[in-house]
Protein backbone atom coordinates (compact mmCIF):
# COMPACT_ATOMS: atom_id res chain seq x y z
CA MET A 1 30.68 110.97 92.45
CA ALA A 2 28.35 109.65 89.79
CA THR A 3 24.73 109.55 90.85
CA ILE A 4 22.03 107.85 88.86
CA ASN A 5 18.42 108.25 89.91
CA VAL A 6 16.98 105.46 87.74
CA ASP A 7 16.38 101.76 88.26
CA ASN A 8 18.86 99.14 87.12
CA ASP A 9 16.80 97.98 84.10
CA PHE A 10 16.59 101.55 82.80
CA LEU A 11 20.34 101.97 83.26
CA LEU A 12 20.97 98.70 81.42
CA ARG A 13 18.93 99.98 78.45
CA ILE A 14 21.05 103.14 78.38
CA GLU A 15 24.30 101.17 78.63
CA SER A 16 23.14 98.82 75.87
CA ALA A 17 22.48 101.79 73.58
CA LEU A 18 25.90 103.23 74.41
CA ASP A 19 27.50 99.84 73.73
CA GLN A 20 26.27 100.15 70.13
CA ILE A 21 28.41 103.26 69.59
CA ARG A 22 31.34 102.52 71.93
CA PRO A 23 33.39 100.57 69.34
CA TYR A 24 33.50 103.70 67.16
CA LEU A 25 34.49 105.90 70.09
CA GLU A 26 37.11 103.41 71.28
CA ALA A 27 38.59 103.16 67.77
CA ASP A 28 39.50 106.85 68.11
CA GLY A 29 40.74 106.54 71.70
CA GLY A 30 37.58 107.69 73.47
CA ASN A 31 34.56 106.50 75.41
CA VAL A 32 31.64 107.78 77.48
CA LYS A 33 30.56 107.25 81.06
CA VAL A 34 27.01 107.67 82.41
CA LEU A 35 26.92 110.16 85.27
CA GLU A 36 23.22 110.70 85.89
CA VAL A 37 19.74 111.00 84.50
CA THR A 38 18.14 114.23 85.67
CA ASP A 39 14.53 114.66 86.74
CA ASP A 40 13.73 116.14 83.31
CA MET A 41 15.18 112.96 81.67
CA THR A 42 18.43 114.46 80.46
CA LEU A 43 21.23 111.92 80.31
CA LYS A 44 24.50 113.43 81.54
CA LEU A 45 27.67 111.80 80.29
CA GLU A 46 31.38 112.27 80.81
CA LEU A 47 33.49 112.12 77.66
CA LEU A 48 36.56 109.98 78.28
CA GLY A 49 39.94 109.80 76.58
CA ALA A 50 40.23 111.50 73.22
CA CYS A 51 36.51 112.35 73.21
CA GLY A 52 37.04 114.94 75.93
CA THR A 53 39.27 117.13 73.76
CA CYS A 54 38.27 116.22 70.22
CA PRO A 55 37.03 119.14 68.11
CA MET A 56 34.42 116.78 66.61
CA SER A 57 33.01 115.77 70.01
CA THR A 58 29.91 117.95 69.59
CA MET A 59 29.02 116.23 66.34
CA THR A 60 29.82 112.79 67.76
CA LEU A 61 27.66 113.45 70.79
CA LYS A 62 24.64 114.71 68.84
CA ALA A 63 24.81 112.57 65.69
CA GLY A 64 26.09 109.38 67.26
CA VAL A 65 25.68 109.02 70.98
CA GLU A 66 22.45 110.96 71.41
CA GLN A 67 20.73 109.34 68.43
CA SER A 68 21.67 105.86 69.63
CA VAL A 69 20.32 106.54 73.12
CA LEU A 70 17.11 108.27 71.96
CA LYS A 71 16.31 105.41 69.59
CA ALA A 72 16.76 102.73 72.26
CA VAL A 73 15.49 104.70 75.27
CA PRO A 74 12.79 107.13 74.10
CA GLU A 75 12.14 108.28 77.67
CA ILE A 76 15.43 110.19 77.49
CA ARG A 77 14.78 113.71 76.19
CA ALA A 78 18.36 114.94 75.72
CA VAL A 79 21.97 113.87 76.10
CA GLU A 80 24.61 116.26 77.44
CA ALA A 81 28.32 115.93 78.10
CA VAL A 82 29.49 117.64 81.27
CA ASN A 83 33.08 118.07 80.09
CA MET A 84 32.81 118.87 76.39
CA THR A 85 35.45 121.21 75.01
CA PRO A 86 33.63 124.20 73.47
CA LEU A 87 34.25 124.92 69.82
CA PRO A 88 36.33 128.07 69.10
């Protein structure tokens, strides 16, 4: 299951950053779920709904989700989706 190796305040900062972009994801039938923060400060997310199969998910992740998180939580070094559909 989802494991998170950070304290609750840190997780709340991440969730707050994600909440800034969630309305845009939800408008297209998608969302994201925090799975873990690795020891090297990589945030691992699961893409939910339409985000999991959308051909634009790579751009959404990097230009939207990652930028929102990095701005609000500079300790995070990268954001990765564990279930992103690779581009052809």
